[in-house]
Amino acid sequence: MGADERFGLNKGVRLMGPVQLDNGAAFAPLDFAYESYGELNADKSNAILICHALTMDQYVASTHPVTGKDGWWVNMVGPGKPIDTDRYCVLCINVLGSCMGSSGPASIDPGTGEPYAMDFPVITIADMVRAQAILLDHLGIDTLAAVVGGSMGGMQALCWASLYPQRVRSAVVIASAARHSAQNIAFHEVGRQAIMADPYWRGGDYYGDDTPPAKGLSVARMAAHITYMSEAGLTEKFGRNLQDRDAKSFGFDADFQIESYLRHQGISFVDRFDANSYLYITRAMDYFDLAEAHGGNLSAAFRGSQTRFCLISFDSDWLYPTAESRRIVHALNAAGAPVSFVELSSPFGHDAFLIDAPDMNRIVDGFLRAGV
C-alpha cells in the first residue's frame, strides 16, 4: 500500500496478531483505531508516535467526534508547531483496553458475538506497547523518529524505549513515572470501587441496557480530576467562591464553584468514556513498574540503549512529582543513555502538560530538531 492508502485521519484496522500478554495469554484479533497527521517520507524515517494518557484518545489534534471539541494537544501538534506535521508523520493510537475503536471491554468478542465486558483480559502498559508495535509492523514503520507521551503516555514511551530500543531514536517523557506509587494506586482504587458499587455496573455486563454505571464513573472521574490539579491552581481558579448564589444553602447542593466544576467534569466524562475501560486502564497503570522485570534495577531496563531521552516535569505536579522524573534520569545516566531533563514551573499541577506551555513547547521543538 502507498502512503495515501494508509495515512489519513480516522483510520481503523483489524489485525490477527496475536499480541502476547504479560498474563501469559495471547489475544486476538486486534482492532486498532488511530489518527494520523502529515505524510510518511519515502524511507519511512519521519514517523512520530504520540501515546495518550488515561482519559485521552487518538484525537490528539483533530476534532473529537463525541464532544465536538478540539484535540487534546492542539498546542503541541500541527503545522509549524513543536511536533510539526509538515515535517513528520504523526500517529496517535487508541490504546488496547480503551473505548474509542481499539479492542477493549466494549468490543465484540468474535467467539460469542457479545461484548467482552469483564472477560476482556487484564492488560499492562507493556501489552499496550506490544500491540502498537504490531500495528506499526503492519504499516511498514520499522523505526520511529520519536515516541512522545505525557502521564500514562510517558509510561508507554518509556516502555517503547525499553522493549524496542532499536526502533526508537528519541523519546519524550512528560509528567510521568517509571512506576505507580502506593498513593497513585490508592486513588485509582477509590475510582474503581465507585464504579463497581454502582448498581448499574452489574458485574460489567451493562452493554445491552441504556443504563450504564454513570454515577459510579462520574465519581471516579471527579476523584481522579482532583489529582490532576494543584492546590494553588484550585485556589486561584475557585477559592471558596460560591456557585450562582450569594449565601450558603445549608444543604448538599453544589454551594461552591469547585463542587459544581467537579460535578460537570464527572457528568461530561460519562458521555465519552466506558466504565469498564476505566477499570482496565487504571489497573494497567497500577501494575506498571518498569524495573520489576529487571530485578528492581531500573537502569537495566535501558542498558545499551541508543535512544535519546528528554524528560520534563512540573513543580506543582504532586501526582507524578519531579522526584519520579529524576529517578528515571539517574537510571538513564547509569545505563549510559543520552538524556536531558528540565523541571518547569507551573501552577496547573499534573494537567500542565495539556495546557499551553510555551517553555515546554520550545523544549520539545528543540529536542526533536536536534535529533534530525
Protein backbone atom coordinates (compact mmCIF):
# COMPACT_ATOMS: atom_id res chain seq x y z
CA MET A 1 0.00 0.00 0.00
CA GLY A 2 1.07 3.58 -0.63
CA ALA A 3 1.13 6.36 1.90
CA ASP A 4 -2.15 7.79 0.64
CA GLU A 5 -3.91 4.50 1.41
CA ARG A 6 -2.58 4.05 4.92
CA PHE A 7 -2.06 7.53 6.27
CA GLY A 8 -5.11 9.69 6.72
CA LEU A 9 -7.37 10.75 9.54
CA ASN A 10 -9.82 8.40 11.26
CA LYS A 11 -8.16 5.11 10.43
CA GLY A 12 -9.13 1.71 11.73
CA VAL A 13 -7.86 -1.78 11.05
CA ARG A 14 -8.31 -5.32 12.38
CA LEU A 15 -5.17 -7.45 12.59
CA MET A 16 -4.96 -11.08 13.61
CA GLY A 17 -1.90 -10.57 15.79
CA PRO A 18 -1.90 -12.08 18.30
CA VAL A 19 -0.33 -9.92 20.97
CA GLN A 20 1.39 -11.87 23.72
CA LEU A 21 0.17 -10.50 27.05
CA ASP A 22 2.02 -10.29 30.34
CA ASN A 23 -0.64 -12.52 31.92
CA GLY A 24 0.53 -15.36 29.65
CA ALA A 25 -2.39 -15.26 27.22
CA ALA A 26 -2.28 -14.48 23.51
CA PHE A 27 -5.02 -12.03 22.49
CA ALA A 28 -6.53 -11.81 19.01
CA PRO A 29 -7.96 -10.36 16.88
CA LEU A 30 -6.75 -6.82 17.47
CA ASP A 31 -8.78 -3.80 16.47
CA PHE A 32 -6.89 -0.52 16.18
CA ALA A 33 -8.28 2.97 15.84
CA TYR A 34 -5.77 5.70 15.14
CA GLU A 35 -5.35 9.19 13.77
CA SER A 36 -2.50 10.33 11.54
CA TYR A 37 -1.28 13.75 10.50
CA GLY A 38 1.29 14.65 7.87
CA GLU A 39 2.90 12.37 5.32
CA LEU A 40 5.30 9.48 5.68
CA ASN A 41 8.50 10.12 3.73
CA ALA A 42 10.00 7.72 1.20
CA ASP A 43 12.23 5.83 3.65
CA LYS A 44 9.58 5.94 6.41
CA SER A 45 12.00 7.59 8.81
CA ASN A 46 9.89 10.57 9.90
CA ALA A 47 7.17 8.85 11.95
CA ILE A 48 6.42 10.13 15.45
CA LEU A 49 4.16 8.12 17.74
CA ILE A 50 2.22 10.08 20.34
CA CYS A 51 0.99 7.95 23.24
CA HIS A 52 -2.10 9.23 25.00
CA ALA A 53 -2.95 9.45 28.69
CA LEU A 54 -5.61 7.54 30.63
CA THR A 55 -8.69 9.56 29.70
CA MET A 56 -7.44 10.78 26.32
CA ASP A 57 -7.68 9.07 22.95
CA GLN A 58 -6.35 9.18 19.41
CA TYR A 59 -7.86 12.59 18.63
CA VAL A 60 -4.68 14.42 19.52
CA ALA A 61 -5.01 17.28 17.04
CA SER A 62 -8.39 16.87 15.37
CA THR A 63 -11.99 17.45 16.38
CA HIS A 64 -13.32 14.86 18.79
CA PRO A 65 -16.33 13.08 17.23
CA VAL A 66 -18.22 12.82 20.54
CA THR A 67 -17.54 16.14 22.23
CA GLY A 68 -17.01 18.30 19.14
CA LYS A 69 -14.00 19.87 20.90
CA ASP A 70 -10.50 20.38 19.53
CA GLY A 71 -7.97 17.62 20.00
CA TRP A 72 -6.34 17.37 23.41
CA TRP A 73 -2.85 18.51 22.26
CA VAL A 74 -3.51 21.05 19.53
CA ASN A 75 -0.98 23.36 21.18
CA MET A 76 1.75 20.81 20.53
CA VAL A 77 0.80 19.05 17.28
CA GLY A 78 0.16 20.63 13.89
CA PRO A 79 1.77 22.54 11.03
CA GLY A 80 4.61 24.68 12.32
CA LYS A 81 4.09 23.51 15.90
CA PRO A 82 6.66 21.68 18.06
CA ILE A 83 5.55 18.34 16.69
CA ASP A 84 5.37 19.68 13.16
CA THR A 85 3.05 17.79 10.84
CA ASP A 86 4.74 19.48 7.88
CA ARG A 87 7.94 17.61 8.81
CA TYR A 88 6.69 14.45 10.50
CA CYS A 89 4.07 11.79 10.00
CA VAL A 90 2.41 11.84 13.42
CA LEU A 91 0.34 8.92 14.65
CA CYS A 92 -1.74 8.50 17.79
CA ILE A 93 -3.26 5.09 18.51
CA ASN A 94 -6.19 4.45 20.83
CA VAL A 95 -4.66 2.13 23.42
CA LEU A 96 -5.58 -1.51 23.92
CA GLY A 97 -8.34 -1.64 26.54
CA SER A 98 -9.83 1.74 25.67
CA CYS A 99 -13.19 2.56 24.14
CA MET A 100 -12.66 4.72 21.05
CA GLY A 101 -12.28 1.96 18.48
CA SER A 102 -9.37 -0.19 19.63
CA SER A 103 -10.01 -3.56 21.27
CA GLY A 104 -11.41 -3.16 24.76
CA PRO A 105 -14.12 -4.44 27.11
CA ALA A 106 -16.89 -2.92 24.98
CA SER A 107 -15.63 -4.65 21.81
CA ILE A 108 -17.46 -7.64 20.41
CA ASP A 109 -15.90 -10.98 21.25
CA PRO A 110 -15.96 -12.87 17.90
CA GLY A 111 -16.32 -16.12 19.83
CA THR A 112 -19.60 -15.13 21.48
CA GLY A 113 -20.96 -12.27 19.43
CA GLU A 114 -21.33 -10.28 22.67
CA PRO A 115 -19.17 -7.58 24.24
CA TYR A 116 -16.15 -8.92 26.10
CA ALA A 117 -17.09 -6.97 29.23
CA MET A 118 -15.10 -8.42 32.15
CA ASP A 119 -13.96 -11.37 30.00
CA PHE A 120 -11.52 -8.97 28.36
CA PRO A 121 -8.03 -9.88 29.57
CA VAL A 122 -6.33 -7.78 32.22
CA ILE A 123 -3.59 -5.89 30.43
CA THR A 124 -0.44 -3.91 31.19
CA ILE A 125 1.28 -0.84 29.77
CA ALA A 126 3.75 -3.18 28.07
CA ASP A 127 0.84 -5.03 26.44
CA MET A 128 -0.42 -1.73 25.01
CA VAL A 129 3.04 -1.09 23.55
CA ARG A 130 3.36 -4.58 22.09
CA ALA A 131 0.00 -4.10 20.39
CA GLN A 132 1.12 -0.74 18.98
CA ALA A 133 4.25 -2.42 17.60
CA ILE A 134 2.04 -4.90 15.72
CA LEU A 135 0.17 -2.03 14.07
CA LEU A 136 3.41 -0.26 13.14
CA ASP A 137 4.69 -3.52 11.61
CA HIS A 138 1.52 -3.60 9.51
CA LEU A 139 2.13 0.00 8.43
CA GLY A 140 5.72 -0.81 7.46
CA ILE A 141 7.25 1.52 10.05
CA ASP A 142 10.39 -0.10 11.42
CA THR A 143 11.87 2.89 13.23
CA LEU A 144 10.24 5.83 14.99
CA ALA A 145 11.85 9.26 14.88
CA ALA A 146 10.34 9.75 18.33
CA VAL A 147 7.85 8.43 20.83
CA VAL A 148 6.19 11.22 22.81
CA GLY A 149 3.82 11.00 25.75
CA GLY A 150 2.65 12.64 28.94
CA SER A 151 1.39 10.87 32.07
CA MET A 152 0.34 7.33 31.02
CA GLY A 153 1.63 8.25 27.57
CA GLY A 154 5.04 8.81 29.13
CA MET A 155 4.89 5.33 30.63
CA GLN A 156 4.27 3.94 27.15
CA ALA A 157 7.19 5.97 25.77
CA LEU A 158 9.48 4.50 28.43
CA CYS A 159 8.21 1.01 27.61
CA TRP A 160 8.82 1.57 23.92
CA ALA A 161 12.42 2.60 24.59
CA SER A 162 12.95 -0.39 26.89
CA LEU A 163 11.19 -3.10 24.84
CA TYR A 164 12.17 -1.87 21.35
CA PRO A 165 15.30 0.29 21.74
CA GLN A 166 16.33 -0.38 18.16
CA ARG A 167 13.05 1.07 16.91
CA VAL A 168 13.07 4.36 18.86
CA ARG A 169 15.54 7.13 18.01
CA SER A 170 14.16 9.63 20.54
CA ALA A 171 11.74 9.54 23.47
CA VAL A 172 9.99 12.49 25.13
CA VAL A 173 8.55 11.68 28.56
CA ILE A 174 6.47 14.40 30.20
CA ALA A 175 4.96 14.45 33.72
CA SER A 176 5.33 10.72 34.14
CA ALA A 177 6.99 7.96 36.18
CA ALA A 178 8.63 4.57 35.83
CA ARG A 179 6.22 3.03 38.34
CA HIS A 180 2.91 3.74 40.00
CA SER A 181 3.24 4.73 43.64
CA ALA A 182 1.09 3.44 46.51
CA GLN A 183 -0.71 6.79 46.54
CA ASN A 184 -1.43 6.55 42.80
CA ILE A 185 -2.82 3.04 43.26
CA ALA A 186 -4.95 4.22 46.18
CA PHE A 187 -6.64 6.96 44.15
CA HIS A 188 -7.34 4.54 41.32
CA GLU A 189 -8.84 2.02 43.71
CA VAL A 190 -11.27 4.64 45.00
CA GLY A 191 -12.40 5.24 41.44
CA ARG A 192 -12.75 1.55 40.64
CA GLN A 193 -14.76 0.90 43.78
CA ALA A 194 -17.07 3.81 42.92
CA ILE A 195 -17.79 2.19 39.55
CA MET A 196 -18.27 -1.32 40.93
CA ALA A 197 -20.53 -0.04 43.72
CA ASP A 198 -22.90 1.49 41.17
CA PRO A 199 -25.90 -0.87 40.94
CA TYR A 200 -25.96 -0.38 37.19
CA TRP A 201 -22.47 -1.82 36.79
CA ARG A 202 -23.91 -5.35 37.01
CA GLY A 203 -20.54 -7.04 37.17
CA GLY A 204 -19.57 -5.28 33.95
CA ASP A 205 -22.48 -6.67 31.90
CA TYR A 206 -24.30 -3.41 31.21
CA TYR A 207 -23.80 -3.02 27.45
CA GLY A 208 -27.23 -4.33 26.48
CA ASP A 209 -29.01 -1.71 28.58
CA ASP A 210 -29.40 2.03 28.30
CA THR A 211 -28.35 2.49 31.92
CA PRO A 212 -24.55 2.24 32.26
CA PRO A 213 -22.95 2.88 35.67
CA ALA A 214 -22.87 6.62 35.01
CA LYS A 215 -22.89 7.76 38.63
CA GLY A 216 -20.01 5.50 39.58
CA LEU A 217 -17.92 6.54 36.60
CA SER A 218 -18.71 10.19 37.29
CA VAL A 219 -17.48 9.93 40.87
CA ALA A 220 -14.36 8.10 39.69
CA ARG A 221 -13.62 10.94 37.29
CA MET A 222 -14.21 13.55 39.99
CA ALA A 223 -11.78 11.86 42.38
CA ALA A 224 -9.14 11.48 39.69
CA HIS A 225 -9.54 15.04 38.43
CA ILE A 226 -8.56 16.41 41.82
CA THR A 227 -5.19 14.69 41.45
CA TYR A 228 -4.57 16.41 38.12
CA MET A 229 -4.70 19.90 39.68
CA SER A 230 -2.58 21.69 42.24
CA GLU A 231 -3.79 23.33 45.44
CA ALA A 232 -2.51 26.68 44.20
CA GLY A 233 -4.35 26.24 40.92
CA LEU A 234 -7.59 25.28 42.63
CA THR A 235 -7.33 28.21 44.99
CA GLU A 236 -6.56 30.66 42.21
CA LYS A 237 -9.37 29.42 39.98
CA PHE A 238 -12.09 28.68 42.53
CA GLY A 239 -11.05 29.53 46.06
CA ARG A 240 -14.09 29.30 48.34
CA ASN A 241 -16.30 31.15 45.86
CA LEU A 242 -19.97 30.25 45.85
CA GLN A 243 -21.67 28.96 42.71
CA ASP A 244 -24.56 31.11 41.42
CA ARG A 245 -25.66 32.20 44.89
CA ASP A 246 -25.00 34.86 47.48
CA ALA A 247 -25.18 32.65 50.55
CA LYS A 248 -24.70 29.04 51.61
CA SER A 249 -27.76 26.83 51.08
CA PHE A 250 -27.22 24.82 54.27
CA GLY A 251 -27.91 21.75 52.16
CA PHE A 252 -25.96 19.42 49.90
CA ASP A 253 -26.34 21.14 46.57
CA ALA A 254 -23.19 22.45 44.88
CA ASP A 255 -22.69 25.54 47.03
CA PHE A 256 -19.09 26.07 45.95
CA GLN A 257 -17.73 26.64 42.45
CA ILE A 258 -15.26 23.79 42.85
CA GLU A 259 -18.14 21.39 43.63
CA SER A 260 -20.01 22.48 40.52
CA TYR A 261 -16.85 22.18 38.42
CA LEU A 262 -16.13 18.63 39.59
CA ARG A 263 -19.72 17.55 39.00
CA HIS A 264 -19.54 18.94 35.47
CA GLN A 265 -16.28 17.10 34.85
CA GLY A 266 -17.83 13.85 36.05
CA ILE A 267 -21.03 14.16 34.02
CA SER A 268 -19.29 15.16 30.78
CA PHE A 269 -16.78 12.32 31.12
CA VAL A 270 -19.56 9.72 31.11
CA ASP A 271 -20.55 10.82 27.61
CA ARG A 272 -17.19 9.86 26.10
CA PHE A 273 -15.76 7.03 28.19
CA ASP A 274 -16.63 3.46 29.12
CA ALA A 275 -16.68 2.42 32.78
CA ASN A 276 -15.11 -0.99 32.18
CA SER A 277 -12.32 0.60 30.14
CA TYR A 278 -11.64 2.85 33.11
CA LEU A 279 -11.25 -0.24 35.31
CA TYR A 280 -8.88 -1.94 32.89
CA ILE A 281 -6.67 1.04 32.08
CA THR A 282 -6.27 2.16 35.68
CA ARG A 283 -5.31 -1.42 36.58
CA ALA A 284 -2.71 -1.41 33.79
CA MET A 285 -1.24 1.79 35.21
CA ASP A 286 -1.19 0.36 38.74
CA TYR A 287 0.73 -2.70 37.53
CA PHE A 288 3.33 -0.51 35.83
CA ASP A 289 6.82 -0.88 37.31
CA LEU A 290 9.46 -0.79 34.60
CA ALA A 291 12.22 -2.01 36.93
CA GLU A 292 10.29 -5.08 38.10
CA ALA A 293 11.28 -7.26 35.14
CA HIS A 294 14.92 -6.30 35.76
CA GLY A 295 15.23 -7.37 39.37
CA GLY A 296 14.24 -3.93 40.59
CA ASN A 297 17.14 -2.27 38.75
CA LEU A 298 15.64 0.50 36.61
CA SER A 299 18.89 1.27 34.81
CA ALA A 300 18.94 -2.31 33.47
CA ALA A 301 15.74 -1.52 31.56
CA PHE A 302 17.75 0.90 29.41
CA ARG A 303 21.17 -0.78 29.32
CA GLY A 304 22.82 -0.35 25.93
CA SER A 305 20.06 1.96 24.70
CA GLN A 306 20.94 4.38 21.89
CA THR A 307 17.64 6.23 22.27
CA ARG A 308 17.88 9.95 23.07
CA PHE A 309 15.68 10.92 26.00
CA CYS A 310 14.07 14.18 27.03
CA LEU A 311 12.24 14.30 30.37
CA ILE A 312 10.06 17.18 31.55
CA SER A 313 8.37 17.57 34.93
CA PHE A 314 6.35 20.34 36.59
CA ASP A 315 7.00 21.71 40.06
CA SER A 316 3.31 21.68 41.06
CA ASP A 317 2.62 18.12 39.87
CA TRP A 318 2.07 16.05 43.01
CA LEU A 319 0.63 13.07 41.12
CA TYR A 320 3.91 12.39 39.28
CA PRO A 321 6.32 14.69 41.12
CA THR A 322 9.74 15.74 39.86
CA ALA A 323 11.40 13.13 42.08
CA GLU A 324 9.93 10.42 39.83
CA SER A 325 11.47 12.02 36.73
CA ARG A 326 14.80 12.39 38.49
CA ARG A 327 14.72 8.68 39.34
CA ILE A 328 14.39 7.90 35.62
CA VAL A 329 17.18 10.35 34.75
CA HIS A 330 19.51 8.73 37.27
CA ALA A 331 18.74 5.30 35.81
CA LEU A 332 19.39 6.55 32.27
CA ASN A 333 22.68 8.10 33.39
CA ALA A 334 23.69 4.79 34.98
CA ALA A 335 22.80 3.00 31.74
CA GLY A 336 24.88 5.45 29.68
CA ALA A 337 21.86 6.66 27.72
CA PRO A 338 21.80 10.25 26.44
CA VAL A 339 19.24 12.26 28.43
CA SER A 340 18.21 15.85 29.02
CA PHE A 341 15.89 16.89 31.84
CA VAL A 342 14.11 20.03 32.98
CA GLU A 343 11.62 20.87 35.70
CA LEU A 344 9.25 23.64 34.64
CA SER A 345 7.30 25.96 36.90
CA SER A 346 3.53 25.90 36.52
CA PRO A 347 0.52 26.48 38.78
CA PHE A 348 -1.55 23.88 36.93
CA GLY A 349 -0.34 20.65 38.54
CA HIS A 350 -0.29 17.44 36.53
CA ASP A 351 -2.53 18.94 33.84
CA ALA A 352 0.20 21.44 32.97
CA PHE A 353 1.34 19.28 30.05
CA LEU A 354 -2.08 19.60 28.42
CA ILE A 355 -2.25 23.38 28.79
CA ASP A 356 -0.49 25.83 26.53
CA ALA A 357 3.02 25.88 28.00
CA PRO A 358 5.46 27.89 25.83
CA ASP A 359 8.55 26.63 27.69
CA MET A 360 7.54 23.01 27.22
CA ASN A 361 6.77 23.63 23.57
CA ARG A 362 10.19 25.19 22.97
CA ILE A 363 11.97 22.33 24.70
CA VAL A 364 10.14 19.65 22.70
CA ASP A 365 10.68 21.54 19.44
CA GLY A 366 14.40 21.97 20.08
CA PHE A 367 14.89 18.38 21.19
CA LEU A 368 13.18 16.93 18.13
CA ARG A 369 15.04 19.23 15.73
CA ALA A 370 18.37 18.25 17.30
CA GLY A 371 17.63 14.63 16.56
CA VAL A 372 17.11 15.08 12.82
